[in-house]
Amino acid sequence: MTVRELYIKLKELEIPEDRYYLHGLYGNTNDQDKLSLIIRKGTYSVEYEVYHKERGNKHSARIFTNEDEACQYFYKCIKEDKEIEDKVKSDFQNNDTISKSV
């Protein structure tokens, strides 16, 4: 998967662009408080870094030398986050509906 293909898959999942940063090419214009993927020149090859940035500090950073692996990892992380968020919303709506019927 390429970064462009990743972007297309994120659009298909209806992930809002303000939730991710893809090297300034797609998604939000900055990497603060979101899942990010950047491309940089490493010592021997191109590197792809996936991380979450919070309060100016990178967390859970992983570096890849393969674009496909980096994009697959990014997709897996953001999809898992979406599934958790959807479940929490669903549970909240179910509890709210039960409260109103009681």
N, C-alpha and C. Protein backbone atom coordinates (compact mmCIF):
# COMPACT_ATOMS: atom_id res chain seq x y z
N MET A 1 0.85 -1.17 0.00
CA MET A 1 0.00 0.00 0.00
C MET A 1 0.90 1.24 0.00
N THR A 2 0.53 2.23 -0.78
CA THR A 2 1.25 3.49 -0.81
C THR A 2 0.53 4.50 0.10
N VAL A 3 1.15 5.63 0.33
CA VAL A 3 0.53 6.67 1.15
C VAL A 3 -0.77 7.13 0.48
N ARG A 4 -0.76 7.26 -0.84
CA ARG A 4 -1.98 7.67 -1.55
C ARG A 4 -3.08 6.63 -1.40
N GLU A 5 -2.73 5.35 -1.52
CA GLU A 5 -3.72 4.28 -1.34
C GLU A 5 -4.25 4.27 0.09
N LEU A 6 -3.38 4.54 1.05
CA LEU A 6 -3.79 4.64 2.45
C LEU A 6 -4.82 5.75 2.61
N TYR A 7 -4.54 6.90 2.02
CA TYR A 7 -5.47 8.03 2.08
C TYR A 7 -6.84 7.65 1.52
N ILE A 8 -6.86 6.96 0.40
CA ILE A 8 -8.12 6.53 -0.21
C ILE A 8 -8.88 5.59 0.73
N LYS A 9 -8.16 4.65 1.36
CA LYS A 9 -8.80 3.73 2.30
C LYS A 9 -9.36 4.46 3.52
N LEU A 10 -8.66 5.49 3.98
CA LEU A 10 -9.15 6.27 5.11
C LEU A 10 -10.42 7.02 4.74
N LYS A 11 -10.48 7.52 3.51
CA LYS A 11 -11.69 8.19 3.03
C LYS A 11 -12.85 7.20 2.98
N GLU A 12 -12.59 5.97 2.51
CA GLU A 12 -13.62 4.93 2.45
C GLU A 12 -14.15 4.59 3.84
N LEU A 13 -13.27 4.63 4.83
CA LEU A 13 -13.68 4.36 6.22
C LEU A 13 -14.36 5.57 6.86
N GLU A 14 -14.39 6.66 6.13
CA GLU A 14 -14.98 7.92 6.61
C GLU A 14 -14.27 8.45 7.85
N ILE A 15 -12.95 8.32 7.86
CA ILE A 15 -12.14 8.90 8.93
C ILE A 15 -11.97 10.39 8.62
N PRO A 16 -12.38 11.27 9.52
CA PRO A 16 -12.22 12.71 9.26
C PRO A 16 -10.75 13.08 9.09
N GLU A 17 -10.47 13.97 8.16
CA GLU A 17 -9.09 14.35 7.87
C GLU A 17 -8.40 15.05 9.04
N ASP A 18 -9.17 15.58 9.97
CA ASP A 18 -8.54 16.22 11.13
C ASP A 18 -8.04 15.22 12.17
N ARG A 19 -8.22 13.93 11.90
CA ARG A 19 -7.79 12.87 12.82
C ARG A 19 -6.41 12.29 12.49
N TYR A 20 -5.86 12.65 11.31
CA TYR A 20 -4.58 12.07 10.91
C TYR A 20 -3.75 13.06 10.10
N TYR A 21 -2.46 12.75 10.02
CA TYR A 21 -1.51 13.56 9.27
C TYR A 21 -0.67 12.60 8.44
N LEU A 22 -0.68 12.78 7.13
CA LEU A 22 0.10 11.93 6.24
C LEU A 22 1.15 12.79 5.53
N HIS A 23 2.21 13.08 6.22
CA HIS A 23 3.37 13.80 5.71
C HIS A 23 3.02 15.14 5.05
N GLY A 24 1.93 15.73 5.47
CA GLY A 24 1.52 17.01 4.90
C GLY A 24 0.87 16.88 3.54
N LEU A 25 0.78 15.68 3.03
CA LEU A 25 0.18 15.45 1.71
C LEU A 25 -1.33 15.28 1.81
N TYR A 26 -1.77 14.58 2.83
CA TYR A 26 -3.19 14.28 3.04
C TYR A 26 -3.51 14.43 4.52
N GLY A 27 -4.77 14.58 4.80
CA GLY A 27 -5.19 14.72 6.18
C GLY A 27 -4.98 16.14 6.67
N ASN A 28 -4.76 16.29 7.95
CA ASN A 28 -4.62 17.59 8.57
C ASN A 28 -3.31 18.25 8.15
N THR A 29 -3.20 19.55 8.40
CA THR A 29 -1.99 20.29 8.02
C THR A 29 -0.90 20.25 9.09
N ASN A 30 -1.22 19.70 10.27
CA ASN A 30 -0.19 19.54 11.30
C ASN A 30 -0.37 18.19 11.99
N ASP A 31 0.67 17.78 12.69
CA ASP A 31 0.66 16.45 13.30
C ASP A 31 0.33 16.46 14.80
N GLN A 32 -0.09 17.59 15.32
CA GLN A 32 -0.36 17.70 16.76
C GLN A 32 -1.64 16.96 17.15
N ASP A 33 -1.56 16.11 18.16
CA ASP A 33 -2.70 15.38 18.73
C ASP A 33 -3.40 14.47 17.74
N LYS A 34 -2.62 13.79 16.94
CA LYS A 34 -3.22 12.84 15.98
C LYS A 34 -2.21 11.79 15.55
N LEU A 35 -2.71 10.73 14.95
CA LEU A 35 -1.85 9.70 14.39
C LEU A 35 -1.19 10.26 13.14
N SER A 36 0.11 10.07 13.02
CA SER A 36 0.86 10.68 11.93
C SER A 36 1.80 9.70 11.26
N LEU A 37 2.06 9.96 9.99
CA LEU A 37 3.04 9.21 9.23
C LEU A 37 3.89 10.23 8.49
N ILE A 38 5.20 10.18 8.70
CA ILE A 38 6.10 11.07 7.98
C ILE A 38 7.12 10.23 7.21
N ILE A 39 7.64 10.82 6.16
CA ILE A 39 8.66 10.18 5.33
C ILE A 39 9.91 11.03 5.45
N ARG A 40 11.03 10.38 5.70
CA ARG A 40 12.28 11.12 5.84
C ARG A 40 13.45 10.30 5.32
N LYS A 41 14.53 10.99 5.10
CA LYS A 41 15.75 10.33 4.65
C LYS A 41 16.46 9.75 5.86
N GLY A 42 16.64 8.44 5.85
CA GLY A 42 17.35 7.78 6.92
C GLY A 42 18.83 7.70 6.59
N THR A 43 19.57 6.99 7.40
CA THR A 43 21.00 6.84 7.20
C THR A 43 21.31 6.11 5.89
N TYR A 44 20.56 5.04 5.62
CA TYR A 44 20.84 4.23 4.44
C TYR A 44 19.70 4.19 3.44
N SER A 45 18.52 4.57 3.86
CA SER A 45 17.37 4.51 2.96
C SER A 45 16.27 5.45 3.45
N VAL A 46 15.19 5.50 2.73
CA VAL A 46 14.03 6.28 3.14
C VAL A 46 13.40 5.59 4.35
N GLU A 47 12.96 6.39 5.31
CA GLU A 47 12.29 5.85 6.49
C GLU A 47 10.89 6.42 6.59
N TYR A 48 9.99 5.59 7.09
CA TYR A 48 8.60 5.98 7.32
C TYR A 48 8.36 5.86 8.81
N GLU A 49 7.98 6.95 9.43
CA GLU A 49 7.76 6.94 10.88
C GLU A 49 6.28 7.15 11.17
N VAL A 50 5.72 6.25 11.97
CA VAL A 50 4.34 6.34 12.41
C VAL A 50 4.37 6.62 13.91
N TYR A 51 3.62 7.65 14.33
CA TYR A 51 3.62 8.04 15.74
C TYR A 51 2.36 8.82 16.07
N HIS A 52 2.16 9.01 17.35
CA HIS A 52 1.10 9.91 17.85
C HIS A 52 1.82 11.04 18.57
N LYS A 53 1.43 12.27 18.25
CA LYS A 53 2.07 13.42 18.88
C LYS A 53 1.08 14.10 19.82
N GLU A 54 1.52 14.30 21.06
CA GLU A 54 0.68 14.93 22.07
C GLU A 54 1.53 15.92 22.86
N ARG A 55 1.04 17.14 22.97
CA ARG A 55 1.75 18.21 23.69
C ARG A 55 3.18 18.40 23.20
N GLY A 56 3.36 18.26 21.91
CA GLY A 56 4.67 18.47 21.31
C GLY A 56 5.62 17.30 21.37
N ASN A 57 5.20 16.19 21.99
CA ASN A 57 6.07 15.02 22.13
C ASN A 57 5.52 13.84 21.35
N LYS A 58 6.42 13.12 20.67
CA LYS A 58 6.02 11.93 19.93
C LYS A 58 5.90 10.75 20.89
N HIS A 59 4.87 9.95 20.67
CA HIS A 59 4.64 8.74 21.48
C HIS A 59 4.41 7.56 20.56
N SER A 60 4.73 6.39 21.03
CA SER A 60 4.48 5.14 20.31
C SER A 60 5.04 5.18 18.88
N ALA A 61 6.22 5.76 18.73
CA ALA A 61 6.83 5.88 17.40
C ALA A 61 7.36 4.54 16.92
N ARG A 62 7.09 4.25 15.66
CA ARG A 62 7.64 3.06 14.99
C ARG A 62 8.20 3.49 13.67
N ILE A 63 9.39 3.01 13.34
CA ILE A 63 10.06 3.38 12.10
C ILE A 63 10.11 2.16 11.18
N PHE A 64 9.77 2.41 9.92
CA PHE A 64 9.75 1.37 8.89
C PHE A 64 10.66 1.80 7.74
N THR A 65 11.21 0.82 7.03
CA THR A 65 11.98 1.12 5.82
C THR A 65 11.19 0.73 4.58
N ASN A 66 9.96 0.28 4.80
CA ASN A 66 9.10 -0.16 3.71
C ASN A 66 7.78 0.61 3.77
N GLU A 67 7.42 1.27 2.68
CA GLU A 67 6.20 2.08 2.66
C GLU A 67 4.95 1.25 2.92
N ASP A 68 4.88 0.08 2.33
CA ASP A 68 3.71 -0.78 2.51
C ASP A 68 3.52 -1.16 3.98
N GLU A 69 4.58 -1.57 4.63
CA GLU A 69 4.48 -1.95 6.05
C GLU A 69 4.06 -0.78 6.92
N ALA A 70 4.60 0.40 6.66
CA ALA A 70 4.24 1.59 7.43
C ALA A 70 2.78 1.93 7.22
N CYS A 71 2.32 1.88 5.98
CA CYS A 71 0.93 2.21 5.68
C CYS A 71 -0.03 1.17 6.27
N GLN A 72 0.33 -0.10 6.20
CA GLN A 72 -0.50 -1.15 6.78
C GLN A 72 -0.62 -0.96 8.29
N TYR A 73 0.49 -0.64 8.93
CA TYR A 73 0.49 -0.42 10.38
C TYR A 73 -0.38 0.80 10.73
N PHE A 74 -0.21 1.89 10.00
CA PHE A 74 -1.00 3.10 10.22
C PHE A 74 -2.48 2.79 10.08
N TYR A 75 -2.83 2.08 9.02
CA TYR A 75 -4.23 1.73 8.75
C TYR A 75 -4.80 0.88 9.88
N LYS A 76 -4.02 -0.10 10.33
CA LYS A 76 -4.46 -0.98 11.43
C LYS A 76 -4.72 -0.15 12.69
N CYS A 77 -3.81 0.77 13.02
CA CYS A 77 -3.96 1.59 14.23
C CYS A 77 -5.20 2.48 14.16
N ILE A 78 -5.38 3.15 13.05
CA ILE A 78 -6.50 4.09 12.96
C ILE A 78 -7.83 3.35 12.86
N LYS A 79 -7.82 2.18 12.24
CA LYS A 79 -9.04 1.37 12.14
C LYS A 79 -9.44 0.86 13.53
N GLU A 80 -8.47 0.41 14.32
CA GLU A 80 -8.75 -0.04 15.68
C GLU A 80 -9.31 1.11 16.53
N ASP A 81 -8.72 2.29 16.39
CA ASP A 81 -9.22 3.46 17.12
C ASP A 81 -10.67 3.76 16.74
N LYS A 82 -10.97 3.67 15.45
CA LYS A 82 -12.33 3.94 14.97
C LYS A 82 -13.31 2.90 15.52
N GLU A 83 -12.91 1.63 15.53
CA GLU A 83 -13.79 0.58 16.04
C GLU A 83 -14.09 0.79 17.53
N ILE A 84 -13.08 1.18 18.29
CA ILE A 84 -13.29 1.46 19.72
C ILE A 84 -14.21 2.65 19.88
N GLU A 85 -13.96 3.71 19.13
CA GLU A 85 -14.80 4.91 19.22
C GLU A 85 -16.25 4.60 18.84
N ASP A 86 -16.43 3.82 17.77
CA ASP A 86 -17.79 3.45 17.35
C ASP A 86 -18.50 2.63 18.41
N LYS A 87 -17.76 1.72 19.07
CA LYS A 87 -18.37 0.90 20.12
C LYS A 87 -18.77 1.75 21.31
N VAL A 88 -17.91 2.68 21.70
CA VAL A 88 -18.23 3.55 22.83
C VAL A 88 -19.46 4.40 22.50
N LYS A 89 -19.52 4.95 21.30
CA LYS A 89 -20.69 5.74 20.89
C LYS A 89 -21.95 4.89 20.91
N SER A 90 -21.85 3.67 20.41
CA SER A 90 -22.99 2.77 20.38
C SER A 90 -23.46 2.43 21.79
N ASP A 91 -22.52 2.11 22.66
CA ASP A 91 -22.86 1.80 24.05
C ASP A 91 -23.50 3.01 24.74
N PHE A 92 -22.96 4.18 24.48
CA PHE A 92 -23.50 5.39 25.08
C PHE A 92 -24.93 5.65 24.59
N GLN A 93 -25.16 5.47 23.30
CA GLN A 93 -26.49 5.67 22.74
C GLN A 93 -27.47 4.65 23.30
N ASN A 94 -27.03 3.40 23.44
CA ASN A 94 -27.90 2.37 24.02
C ASN A 94 -28.25 2.70 25.47
N ASN A 95 -27.28 3.14 26.24
CA ASN A 95 -27.55 3.51 27.63
C ASN A 95 -28.46 4.72 27.72
N ASP A 96 -28.29 5.66 26.82
CA ASP A 96 -29.12 6.86 26.80
C ASP A 96 -30.57 6.49 26.46
N THR A 97 -30.73 5.59 25.51
CA THR A 97 -32.07 5.13 25.11
C THR A 97 -32.75 4.41 26.27
N ILE A 98 -32.01 3.56 26.98
CA ILE A 98 -32.56 2.83 28.12
C ILE A 98 -32.97 3.80 29.22
N SER A 99 -32.14 4.81 29.49
CA SER A 99 -32.43 5.80 30.53
C SER A 99 -33.71 6.56 30.23
N LYS A 100 -33.93 6.90 28.97
CA LYS A 100 -35.12 7.66 28.59
C LYS A 100 -36.38 6.81 28.67
N SER A 101 -36.25 5.50 28.48
CA SER A 101 -37.44 4.64 28.52
C SER A 101 -37.82 4.24 29.93
N VAL A 102 -36.94 4.45 30.88
CA VAL A 102 -37.22 4.05 32.27
C VAL A 102 -37.96 5.13 33.02
